[in-house]
Amino acid sequence: MAEDNVAAEQLRLFIERIERLEEEKKGIADDVKDVYAEAKSNGYDVKTMRKIVALRKLEAHARQEADALMETYRTALGLH
């Protein structure tokens, strides 16, 4: 029975940690949203900024492959 109490306590602590982290994540997401809104109010294109942020997350070789593929598709569709 004591093991059940220990397991229940440990589970409760895990759940509470997850809940705190989810709340922090929400706060950070709100902060990111605010930064994009500020950038937009200063004349920046948020859609393009989001693409740049996504590209910067990629490793150099993955970014180069994505660029090459995009160029191939644009050429195939006559978008130059």
N, C-alpha and C. Protein backbone atom coordinates (compact mmCIF):
# COMPACT_ATOMS: atom_id res chain seq x y z
N MET A 1 0.82 -1.20 0.00
CA MET A 1 0.00 0.00 0.00
C MET A 1 0.86 1.26 0.00
N ALA A 2 1.99 1.20 0.72
CA ALA A 2 2.89 2.35 0.75
C ALA A 2 3.45 2.63 -0.63
N GLU A 3 3.70 1.56 -1.40
CA GLU A 3 4.21 1.73 -2.76
C GLU A 3 3.19 2.46 -3.63
N ASP A 4 1.91 2.17 -3.42
CA ASP A 4 0.85 2.85 -4.17
C ASP A 4 0.85 4.35 -3.86
N ASN A 5 1.06 4.68 -2.57
CA ASN A 5 1.10 6.08 -2.17
C ASN A 5 2.29 6.80 -2.79
N VAL A 6 3.43 6.09 -2.80
CA VAL A 6 4.64 6.67 -3.38
C VAL A 6 4.45 6.88 -4.88
N ALA A 7 3.90 5.88 -5.55
CA ALA A 7 3.67 5.98 -6.99
C ALA A 7 2.66 7.09 -7.30
N ALA A 8 1.63 7.20 -6.51
CA ALA A 8 0.63 8.25 -6.71
C ALA A 8 1.24 9.63 -6.48
N GLU A 9 2.07 9.75 -5.46
CA GLU A 9 2.74 11.02 -5.17
C GLU A 9 3.69 11.39 -6.31
N GLN A 10 4.44 10.42 -6.79
CA GLN A 10 5.37 10.67 -7.89
C GLN A 10 4.60 11.09 -9.15
N LEU A 11 3.50 10.41 -9.43
CA LEU A 11 2.67 10.75 -10.58
C LEU A 11 2.13 12.17 -10.45
N ARG A 12 1.64 12.51 -9.26
CA ARG A 12 1.12 13.86 -9.02
C ARG A 12 2.19 14.91 -9.27
N LEU A 13 3.42 14.65 -8.81
CA LEU A 13 4.52 15.59 -9.01
C LEU A 13 4.87 15.74 -10.49
N PHE A 14 4.85 14.63 -11.23
CA PHE A 14 5.09 14.71 -12.67
C PHE A 14 4.01 15.57 -13.34
N ILE A 15 2.78 15.32 -13.01
CA ILE A 15 1.66 16.06 -13.59
C ILE A 15 1.78 17.55 -13.27
N GLU A 16 2.11 17.88 -12.04
CA GLU A 16 2.25 19.28 -11.66
C GLU A 16 3.40 19.95 -12.39
N ARG A 17 4.51 19.23 -12.58
CA ARG A 17 5.63 19.79 -13.34
C ARG A 17 5.22 20.06 -14.78
N ILE A 18 4.52 19.11 -15.37
CA ILE A 18 4.06 19.27 -16.75
C ILE A 18 3.13 20.47 -16.85
N GLU A 19 2.23 20.61 -15.90
CA GLU A 19 1.30 21.74 -15.90
C GLU A 19 2.04 23.07 -15.80
N ARG A 20 3.06 23.14 -14.95
CA ARG A 20 3.84 24.37 -14.83
C ARG A 20 4.57 24.68 -16.13
N LEU A 21 5.16 23.65 -16.73
CA LEU A 21 5.87 23.85 -17.99
C LEU A 21 4.93 24.26 -19.11
N GLU A 22 3.74 23.68 -19.14
CA GLU A 22 2.75 24.07 -20.15
C GLU A 22 2.36 25.54 -19.98
N GLU A 23 2.23 25.98 -18.74
CA GLU A 23 1.90 27.38 -18.47
C GLU A 23 3.05 28.29 -18.92
N GLU A 24 4.29 27.88 -18.64
CA GLU A 24 5.45 28.66 -19.08
C GLU A 24 5.50 28.71 -20.61
N LYS A 25 5.20 27.57 -21.24
CA LYS A 25 5.21 27.50 -22.70
C LYS A 25 4.18 28.47 -23.28
N LYS A 26 3.01 28.53 -22.66
CA LYS A 26 1.97 29.45 -23.10
C LYS A 26 2.45 30.89 -22.96
N GLY A 27 3.10 31.18 -21.85
CA GLY A 27 3.63 32.53 -21.64
C GLY A 27 4.67 32.90 -22.68
N ILE A 28 5.53 31.97 -23.02
CA ILE A 28 6.56 32.22 -24.03
C ILE A 28 5.90 32.40 -25.39
N ALA A 29 4.91 31.57 -25.71
CA ALA A 29 4.20 31.70 -26.98
C ALA A 29 3.54 33.08 -27.08
N ASP A 30 2.98 33.55 -25.98
CA ASP A 30 2.38 34.89 -25.97
C ASP A 30 3.44 35.96 -26.21
N ASP A 31 4.62 35.77 -25.62
CA ASP A 31 5.73 36.73 -25.81
C ASP A 31 6.16 36.75 -27.27
N VAL A 32 6.27 35.57 -27.89
CA VAL A 32 6.66 35.50 -29.30
C VAL A 32 5.62 36.20 -30.16
N LYS A 33 4.35 35.97 -29.86
CA LYS A 33 3.27 36.62 -30.59
C LYS A 33 3.39 38.15 -30.47
N ASP A 34 3.71 38.62 -29.28
CA ASP A 34 3.88 40.07 -29.07
C ASP A 34 5.04 40.63 -29.89
N VAL A 35 6.13 39.88 -29.99
CA VAL A 35 7.28 40.33 -30.77
C VAL A 35 6.91 40.42 -32.24
N TYR A 36 6.19 39.42 -32.75
CA TYR A 36 5.75 39.48 -34.14
C TYR A 36 4.81 40.67 -34.37
N ALA A 37 3.93 40.93 -33.42
CA ALA A 37 3.02 42.08 -33.55
C ALA A 37 3.81 43.38 -33.56
N GLU A 38 4.82 43.48 -32.72
CA GLU A 38 5.65 44.67 -32.69
C GLU A 38 6.40 44.85 -34.01
N ALA A 39 6.94 43.75 -34.52
CA ALA A 39 7.65 43.82 -35.80
C ALA A 39 6.70 44.26 -36.91
N LYS A 40 5.48 43.71 -36.90
CA LYS A 40 4.50 44.09 -37.92
C LYS A 40 4.17 45.58 -37.83
N SER A 41 4.04 46.08 -36.61
CA SER A 41 3.71 47.50 -36.44
C SER A 41 4.86 48.41 -36.89
N ASN A 42 6.06 47.81 -37.01
CA ASN A 42 7.22 48.56 -37.50
C ASN A 42 7.45 48.33 -38.99
N GLY A 43 6.47 47.70 -39.66
CA GLY A 43 6.53 47.55 -41.10
C GLY A 43 7.14 46.27 -41.63
N TYR A 44 7.48 45.34 -40.75
CA TYR A 44 8.06 44.08 -41.21
C TYR A 44 6.97 43.10 -41.60
N ASP A 45 7.28 42.23 -42.58
CA ASP A 45 6.35 41.21 -43.02
C ASP A 45 6.51 39.97 -42.13
N VAL A 46 5.52 39.72 -41.32
CA VAL A 46 5.59 38.65 -40.32
C VAL A 46 5.65 37.27 -40.98
N LYS A 47 4.94 37.09 -42.07
CA LYS A 47 4.96 35.79 -42.75
C LYS A 47 6.39 35.46 -43.19
N THR A 48 7.08 36.43 -43.75
CA THR A 48 8.46 36.23 -44.17
C THR A 48 9.36 36.00 -42.97
N MET A 49 9.13 36.73 -41.91
CA MET A 49 9.94 36.54 -40.70
C MET A 49 9.78 35.12 -40.16
N ARG A 50 8.56 34.60 -40.17
CA ARG A 50 8.33 33.23 -39.69
C ARG A 50 9.09 32.22 -40.55
N LYS A 51 9.11 32.46 -41.86
CA LYS A 51 9.86 31.57 -42.75
C LYS A 51 11.35 31.62 -42.44
N ILE A 52 11.86 32.82 -42.19
CA ILE A 52 13.28 32.97 -41.86
C ILE A 52 13.60 32.25 -40.55
N VAL A 53 12.75 32.40 -39.57
CA VAL A 53 12.96 31.71 -38.28
C VAL A 53 13.00 30.20 -38.50
N ALA A 54 12.07 29.68 -39.32
CA ALA A 54 12.04 28.25 -39.61
C ALA A 54 13.31 27.81 -40.34
N LEU A 55 13.77 28.62 -41.29
CA LEU A 55 15.00 28.29 -42.02
C LEU A 55 16.22 28.27 -41.10
N ARG A 56 16.26 29.20 -40.17
CA ARG A 56 17.40 29.28 -39.26
C ARG A 56 17.47 28.09 -38.31
N LYS A 57 16.34 27.42 -38.13
CA LYS A 57 16.32 26.23 -37.28
C LYS A 57 16.97 25.03 -37.99
N LEU A 58 16.99 25.08 -39.31
CA LEU A 58 17.54 23.97 -40.08
C LEU A 58 19.07 24.02 -40.07
N GLU A 59 19.66 22.84 -40.20
CA GLU A 59 21.11 22.79 -40.37
C GLU A 59 21.42 23.28 -41.78
N ALA A 60 22.65 23.72 -41.99
CA ALA A 60 23.04 24.33 -43.26
C ALA A 60 22.73 23.42 -44.45
N HIS A 61 23.08 22.15 -44.34
CA HIS A 61 22.86 21.26 -45.49
C HIS A 61 21.36 21.06 -45.76
N ALA A 62 20.56 21.00 -44.73
CA ALA A 62 19.11 20.84 -44.91
C ALA A 62 18.52 22.10 -45.54
N ARG A 63 19.02 23.26 -45.13
CA ARG A 63 18.57 24.52 -45.71
C ARG A 63 18.95 24.60 -47.18
N GLN A 64 20.17 24.17 -47.52
CA GLN A 64 20.61 24.19 -48.91
C GLN A 64 19.77 23.25 -49.77
N GLU A 65 19.44 22.07 -49.22
CA GLU A 65 18.60 21.13 -49.96
C GLU A 65 17.21 21.72 -50.19
N ALA A 66 16.65 22.37 -49.17
CA ALA A 66 15.32 22.98 -49.30
C ALA A 66 15.36 24.10 -50.34
N ASP A 67 16.43 24.91 -50.32
CA ASP A 67 16.57 25.99 -51.30
C ASP A 67 16.67 25.43 -52.72
N ALA A 68 17.46 24.38 -52.88
CA ALA A 68 17.63 23.78 -54.21
C ALA A 68 16.32 23.20 -54.71
N LEU A 69 15.59 22.54 -53.85
CA LEU A 69 14.31 21.97 -54.25
C LEU A 69 13.31 23.06 -54.61
N MET A 70 13.29 24.13 -53.83
CA MET A 70 12.40 25.25 -54.12
C MET A 70 12.76 25.86 -55.48
N GLU A 71 14.04 26.02 -55.74
CA GLU A 71 14.48 26.56 -57.02
C GLU A 71 14.07 25.64 -58.18
N THR A 72 14.21 24.35 -57.99
CA THR A 72 13.81 23.38 -59.01
C THR A 72 12.32 23.50 -59.31
N TYR A 73 11.52 23.57 -58.28
CA TYR A 73 10.06 23.67 -58.46
C TYR A 73 9.68 24.99 -59.11
N ARG A 74 10.32 26.07 -58.68
CA ARG A 74 10.01 27.39 -59.27
C ARG A 74 10.36 27.40 -60.76
N THR A 75 11.50 26.82 -61.10
CA THR A 75 11.90 26.75 -62.50
C THR A 75 10.92 25.91 -63.31
N ALA A 76 10.53 24.77 -62.76
CA ALA A 76 9.59 23.89 -63.44
C ALA A 76 8.24 24.58 -63.69
N LEU A 77 7.86 25.48 -62.80
CA LEU A 77 6.58 26.17 -62.93
C LEU A 77 6.70 27.54 -63.60
N GLY A 78 7.93 27.89 -64.02
CA GLY A 78 8.14 29.17 -64.69
C GLY A 78 7.94 30.37 -63.79
N LEU A 79 8.34 30.25 -62.54
CA LEU A 79 8.15 31.33 -61.57
C LEU A 79 9.40 32.18 -61.37
N HIS A 80 10.17 32.36 -62.42
CA HIS A 80 11.36 33.21 -62.31
C HIS A 80 11.15 34.53 -62.93
